Amino acid sequence: SELAVHNLDVVFADSPVRSGLSVKAYSHLLFECGVSFFGKRELARSLKKKFPYSLDKMPLLLPMPNTALRGRLDQWFTRLDILPHIVGEFDDSALMKVFGQAGDGIFAAPQVIEKEIQQQYQVDIIGQSDEIIEKFYAISIERIIKHPAIVAISEAARKELISINID
C-alpha cells in the first residue's frame, strides 16, 4: 500500500508480491543463491563430515513457518528424511544468528553472506545446499524498473553478488 501512494519507491523482499492484492505491484528478481548452515565452531566441526544427514535430531533455529525460506527448508528436510529438533523460530534473522552464536542451535542463511556471518557471529559453516534457493526481489509499481535509484541499487546488488561469488 505504501508503494501505491508513492510513500515508497521500492521494497526489497525474499518473496514476490502475493497475487490477489489490491495494489498493482511487480516483482523483479534481483538474484538467487543457495543456503549455508552455520553453527558454533565445535558443533560445526562434528557435523561437517556427514552433512546434511548430520542435522537429523540436532537443535535448529529456523525462520517462522510463514516465511519462504522456512517452507523450502521444511521441504528439503522432508525429502532427505531429516527430522530436526526445532528449538527456536524467529521473525528476526539477526536475532536467530545471535542465538546460533551463543551455541543454542544451527541456523541457515544465504550463501552470498557466508563470510559476513562467519566474521560477525564467530560461527563456522557446517554445509551448503544449492537445492534450497533463496530469492531476492525488488518490488515496485513499475512493470519495468525505470526509477534511476532503483536501477542503480539493482545493478549494484547484482555486481556485488557476482564479485562475492567469484572470490
C-alpha atoms as a PDB file:
ATOM      1  CA  SER A   1       0.000   0.000   0.000  1.00  0.00           C
ATOM      2  CA  GLU A   2       2.938   2.342   0.653  1.00  0.00           C
ATOM      3  CA  LEU A   3       4.069   1.752  -2.927  1.00  0.00           C
ATOM      4  CA  ALA A   4       0.620   2.606  -4.281  1.00  0.00           C
ATOM      5  CA  VAL A   5       0.528   6.006  -2.566  1.00  0.00           C
ATOM      6  CA  HIS A   6       4.158   6.699  -3.566  1.00  0.00           C
ATOM      7  CA  ASN A   7       5.485   6.793   0.009  1.00  0.00           C
ATOM      8  CA  LEU A   8       7.977   4.141  -1.090  1.00  0.00           C
ATOM      9  CA  ASP A   9       9.598   3.588  -4.469  1.00  0.00           C
ATOM     10  CA  VAL A  10      10.764   0.035  -3.858  1.00  0.00           C
ATOM     11  CA  VAL A  11      10.533  -2.784  -1.340  1.00  0.00           C
ATOM     12  CA  PHE A  12      13.215  -5.469  -1.144  1.00  0.00           C
ATOM     13  CA  ALA A  13      11.910  -8.886  -0.161  1.00  0.00           C
ATOM     14  CA  ASP A  14      12.698 -12.587  -0.204  1.00  0.00           C
ATOM     15  CA  SER A  15       9.424 -13.474  -1.883  1.00  0.00           C
ATOM     16  CA  PRO A  16       7.448 -11.979  -4.765  1.00  0.00           C
ATOM     17  CA  VAL A  17       4.281  -9.966  -4.359  1.00  0.00           C
ATOM     18  CA  ARG A  18       1.335 -12.171  -3.491  1.00  0.00           C
ATOM     19  CA  SER A  19      -1.312 -12.394  -6.171  1.00  0.00           C
ATOM     20  CA  GLY A  20      -4.728 -11.009  -5.396  1.00  0.00           C
ATOM     21  CA  LEU A  21      -3.553  -7.813  -3.723  1.00  0.00           C
ATOM     22  CA  SER A  22      -5.485  -4.667  -4.489  1.00  0.00           C
ATOM     23  CA  VAL A  23      -2.212  -2.866  -5.197  1.00  0.00           C
ATOM     24  CA  LYS A  24      -0.707  -3.310  -8.646  1.00  0.00           C
ATOM     25  CA  ALA A  25       2.947  -4.095  -7.970  1.00  0.00           C
ATOM     26  CA  TYR A  26       5.622  -6.042  -9.810  1.00  0.00           C
ATOM     27  CA  SER A  27       8.308  -8.353  -8.507  1.00  0.00           C
ATOM     28  CA  HIS A  28      11.721  -8.089 -10.141  1.00  0.00           C
ATOM     29  CA  LEU A  29      14.097 -10.939  -9.320  1.00  0.00           C
ATOM     30  CA  LEU A  30      17.450  -9.437  -8.312  1.00  0.00           C
ATOM     31  CA  PHE A  31      19.370 -12.638  -7.614  1.00  0.00           C
ATOM     32  CA  GLU A  32      19.152 -16.086  -6.116  1.00  0.00           C
ATOM     33  CA  CYS A  33      21.596 -18.272  -4.245  1.00  0.00           C
ATOM     34  CA  GLY A  34      21.899 -21.433  -2.201  1.00  0.00           C
ATOM     35  CA  VAL A  35      21.771 -21.724   1.576  1.00  0.00           C
ATOM     36  CA  SER A  36      24.516 -22.443   4.095  1.00  0.00           C
ATOM     37  CA  PHE A  37      24.102 -23.941   7.547  1.00  0.00           C
ATOM     38  CA  PHE A  38      26.068 -22.458  10.440  1.00  0.00           C
ATOM     39  CA  GLY A  39      26.863 -23.415  13.998  1.00  0.00           C
ATOM     40  CA  LYS A  40      29.245 -22.728  16.818  1.00  0.00           C
ATOM     41  CA  ARG A  41      32.729 -23.901  15.834  1.00  0.00           C
ATOM     42  CA  GLU A  42      32.850 -27.028  17.996  1.00  0.00           C
ATOM     43  CA  LEU A  43      29.413 -28.147  16.834  1.00  0.00           C
ATOM     44  CA  ALA A  44      30.142 -27.334  13.185  1.00  0.00           C
ATOM     45  CA  ARG A  45      33.282 -29.461  13.134  1.00  0.00           C
ATOM     46  CA  SER A  46      31.415 -32.500  14.392  1.00  0.00           C
ATOM     47  CA  LEU A  47      28.594 -32.134  11.836  1.00  0.00           C
ATOM     48  CA  LYS A  48      30.516 -31.323   8.624  1.00  0.00           C
ATOM     49  CA  LYS A  49      31.538 -34.846   7.708  1.00  0.00           C
ATOM     50  CA  LYS A  50      28.050 -36.336   7.300  1.00  0.00           C
ATOM     51  CA  PHE A  51      26.210 -33.183   6.241  1.00  0.00           C
ATOM     52  CA  PRO A  52      23.260 -32.924   5.575  1.00  0.00           C
ATOM     53  CA  TYR A  53      22.267 -36.095   7.413  1.00  0.00           C
ATOM     54  CA  SER A  54      24.166 -34.953  10.492  1.00  0.00           C
ATOM     55  CA  LEU A  55      21.387 -32.370  11.000  1.00  0.00           C
ATOM     56  CA  ASP A  56      18.952 -35.141  11.955  1.00  0.00           C
ATOM     57  CA  LYS A  57      17.670 -34.570  15.511  1.00  0.00           C
ATOM     58  CA  MET A  58      20.067 -31.641  16.005  1.00  0.00           C
ATOM     59  CA  PRO A  59      18.870 -28.365  17.569  1.00  0.00           C
ATOM     60  CA  LEU A  60      17.801 -25.995  14.803  1.00  0.00           C
ATOM     61  CA  LEU A  61      16.943 -22.310  14.836  1.00  0.00           C
ATOM     62  CA  LEU A  62      14.505 -21.661  11.991  1.00  0.00           C
ATOM     63  CA  PRO A  63      12.599 -18.781  10.430  1.00  0.00           C
ATOM     64  CA  MET A  64       8.888 -18.630  11.228  1.00  0.00           C
ATOM     65  CA  PRO A  65       6.681 -21.130   9.346  1.00  0.00           C
ATOM     66  CA  ASN A  66       5.076 -18.397   7.212  1.00  0.00           C
ATOM     67  CA  THR A  67       8.361 -17.439   5.507  1.00  0.00           C
ATOM     68  CA  ALA A  68       9.576 -18.501   2.078  1.00  0.00           C
ATOM     69  CA  LEU A  69      12.854 -19.902   3.421  1.00  0.00           C
ATOM     70  CA  ARG A  70      11.129 -21.972   6.091  1.00  0.00           C
ATOM     71  CA  GLY A  71       8.889 -23.616   3.503  1.00  0.00           C
ATOM     72  CA  ARG A  72      11.901 -24.561   1.390  1.00  0.00           C
ATOM     73  CA  LEU A  73      13.810 -25.827   4.438  1.00  0.00           C
ATOM     74  CA  ASP A  74      10.861 -27.954   5.585  1.00  0.00           C
ATOM     75  CA  GLN A  75      10.516 -29.491   2.107  1.00  0.00           C
ATOM     76  CA  TRP A  76      14.236 -30.231   1.957  1.00  0.00           C
ATOM     77  CA  PHE A  77      14.247 -31.867   5.403  1.00  0.00           C
ATOM     78  CA  THR A  78      11.233 -33.991   4.451  1.00  0.00           C
ATOM     79  CA  ARG A  79      12.771 -35.068   1.125  1.00  0.00           C
ATOM     80  CA  LEU A  80      16.001 -36.133   2.884  1.00  0.00           C
ATOM     81  CA  ASP A  81      14.139 -37.725   5.804  1.00  0.00           C
ATOM     82  CA  ILE A  82      15.849 -35.381   8.278  1.00  0.00           C
ATOM     83  CA  LEU A  83      13.943 -34.654  11.481  1.00  0.00           C
ATOM     84  CA  PRO A  84      15.480 -31.558  13.076  1.00  0.00           C
ATOM     85  CA  HIS A  85      14.832 -30.683  16.699  1.00  0.00           C
ATOM     86  CA  ILE A  86      13.396 -27.155  16.394  1.00  0.00           C
ATOM     87  CA  VAL A  87      14.493 -25.143  19.436  1.00  0.00           C
ATOM     88  CA  GLY A  88      13.544 -21.678  18.157  1.00  0.00           C
ATOM     89  CA  GLU A  89      11.512 -19.941  15.455  1.00  0.00           C
ATOM     90  CA  PHE A  90      12.366 -16.356  14.574  1.00  0.00           C
ATOM     91  CA  ASP A  91      10.894 -13.399  12.706  1.00  0.00           C
ATOM     92  CA  ASP A  92      14.220 -11.606  13.055  1.00  0.00           C
ATOM     93  CA  SER A  93      17.114 -13.283  11.248  1.00  0.00           C
ATOM     94  CA  ALA A  94      19.736 -11.252  13.145  1.00  0.00           C
ATOM     95  CA  LEU A  95      18.327 -12.470  16.455  1.00  0.00           C
ATOM     96  CA  MET A  96      18.373 -16.032  15.142  1.00  0.00           C
ATOM     97  CA  LYS A  97      22.077 -15.633  14.318  1.00  0.00           C
ATOM     98  CA  VAL A  98      22.801 -14.315  17.833  1.00  0.00           C
ATOM     99  CA  PHE A  99      21.201 -17.442  19.316  1.00  0.00           C
ATOM    100  CA  GLY A 100      23.319 -19.531  16.926  1.00  0.00           C
ATOM    101  CA  GLN A 101      26.422 -17.628  18.005  1.00  0.00           C
ATOM    102  CA  ALA A 102      25.587 -18.473  21.626  1.00  0.00           C
ATOM    103  CA  GLY A 103      25.506 -22.169  20.704  1.00  0.00           C
ATOM    104  CA  ASP A 104      21.754 -22.644  21.044  1.00  0.00           C
ATOM    105  CA  GLY A 105      21.401 -24.295  17.638  1.00  0.00           C
ATOM    106  CA  ILE A 106      22.164 -24.454  13.947  1.00  0.00           C
ATOM    107  CA  PHE A 107      20.767 -21.872  11.528  1.00  0.00           C
ATOM    108  CA  ALA A 108      20.575 -21.376   7.779  1.00  0.00           C
ATOM    109  CA  ALA A 109      21.319 -18.222   5.793  1.00  0.00           C
ATOM    110  CA  PRO A 110      22.015 -17.222   2.174  1.00  0.00           C
ATOM    111  CA  GLN A 111      25.377 -18.365   0.809  1.00  0.00           C
ATOM    112  CA  VAL A 112      26.160 -14.896  -0.519  1.00  0.00           C
ATOM    113  CA  ILE A 113      26.656 -13.571   3.014  1.00  0.00           C
ATOM    114  CA  GLU A 114      28.634 -16.525   4.419  1.00  0.00           C
ATOM    115  CA  LYS A 115      31.817 -14.554   5.084  1.00  0.00           C
ATOM    116  CA  GLU A 116      29.984 -11.737   6.857  1.00  0.00           C
ATOM    117  CA  ILE A 117      28.079 -14.204   9.046  1.00  0.00           C
ATOM    118  CA  GLN A 118      31.248 -16.094   9.963  1.00  0.00           C
ATOM    119  CA  GLN A 119      33.064 -12.886  10.881  1.00  0.00           C
ATOM    120  CA  GLN A 120      30.247 -11.156  12.726  1.00  0.00           C
ATOM    121  CA  TYR A 121      28.866 -14.133  14.653  1.00  0.00           C
ATOM    122  CA  GLN A 122      32.016 -16.283  15.053  1.00  0.00           C
ATOM    123  CA  VAL A 123      30.322 -19.378  13.615  1.00  0.00           C
ATOM    124  CA  ASP A 124      31.506 -21.923  11.080  1.00  0.00           C
ATOM    125  CA  ILE A 125      29.849 -23.380   8.021  1.00  0.00           C
ATOM    126  CA  ILE A 126      28.517 -26.887   8.564  1.00  0.00           C
ATOM    127  CA  GLY A 127      27.480 -27.373   4.961  1.00  0.00           C
ATOM    128  CA  GLN A 128      25.784 -25.855   1.949  1.00  0.00           C
ATOM    129  CA  SER A 129      22.804 -26.723  -0.184  1.00  0.00           C
ATOM    130  CA  ASP A 130      22.186 -25.475  -3.680  1.00  0.00           C
ATOM    131  CA  GLU A 131      18.841 -27.304  -3.582  1.00  0.00           C
ATOM    132  CA  ILE A 132      17.401 -24.739  -1.180  1.00  0.00           C
ATOM    133  CA  ILE A 133      17.263 -21.495  -3.141  1.00  0.00           C
ATOM    134  CA  GLU A 134      16.913 -18.069  -1.574  1.00  0.00           C
ATOM    135  CA  LYS A 135      15.483 -15.475  -3.936  1.00  0.00           C
ATOM    136  CA  PHE A 136      15.580 -11.720  -3.537  1.00  0.00           C
ATOM    137  CA  TYR A 137      13.235  -9.297  -5.244  1.00  0.00           C
ATOM    138  CA  ALA A 138      12.806  -5.593  -5.823  1.00  0.00           C
ATOM    139  CA  ILE A 139       9.084  -4.862  -5.680  1.00  0.00           C
ATOM    140  CA  SER A 140       7.865  -1.708  -7.378  1.00  0.00           C
ATOM    141  CA  ILE A 141       4.832  -0.294  -9.098  1.00  0.00           C
ATOM    142  CA  GLU A 142       6.795  -0.171 -12.344  1.00  0.00           C
ATOM    143  CA  ARG A 143       6.480  -3.149 -14.680  1.00  0.00           C
ATOM    144  CA  ILE A 144       9.949  -2.291 -15.998  1.00  0.00           C
ATOM    145  CA  ILE A 145      12.190  -0.552 -13.496  1.00  0.00           C
ATOM    146  CA  LYS A 146      12.981   2.938 -14.715  1.00  0.00           C
ATOM    147  CA  HIS A 147      13.470   4.894 -11.486  1.00  0.00           C
ATOM    148  CA  PRO A 148      17.203   5.790 -11.502  1.00  0.00           C
ATOM    149  CA  ALA A 149      17.750   4.961  -7.829  1.00  0.00           C
ATOM    150  CA  ILE A 150      16.086   1.553  -8.121  1.00  0.00           C
ATOM    151  CA  VAL A 151      18.055   0.783 -11.293  1.00  0.00           C
ATOM    152  CA  ALA A 152      21.311   1.754  -9.524  1.00  0.00           C
ATOM    153  CA  ILE A 153      20.514  -0.355  -6.446  1.00  0.00           C
ATOM    154  CA  SER A 154      19.530  -3.344  -8.572  1.00  0.00           C
ATOM    155  CA  GLU A 155      22.688  -3.143 -10.685  1.00  0.00           C
ATOM    156  CA  ALA A 156      24.890  -2.684  -7.616  1.00  0.00           C
ATOM    157  CA  ALA A 157      23.317  -5.710  -5.927  1.00  0.00           C
ATOM    158  CA  ARG A 158      23.931  -7.877  -8.978  1.00  0.00           C
ATOM    159  CA  LYS A 159      27.539  -6.674  -9.378  1.00  0.00           C
ATOM    160  CA  GLU A 160      28.282  -7.167  -5.686  1.00  0.00           C
ATOM    161  CA  LEU A 161      26.898 -10.682  -5.765  1.00  0.00           C
ATOM    162  CA  ILE A 162      28.915 -11.550  -8.828  1.00  0.00           C
ATOM    163  CA  SER A 163      32.107 -10.363  -7.081  1.00  0.00           C
ATOM    164  CA  ILE A 164      31.183 -12.260  -3.868  1.00  0.00           C
ATOM    165  CA  ASN A 165      30.610 -15.465  -5.814  1.00  0.00           C
ATOM    166  CA  ILE A 166      33.902 -15.098  -7.695  1.00  0.00           C
ATOM    167  CA  ASP A 167      36.012 -14.571  -4.517  1.00  0.00           C
END
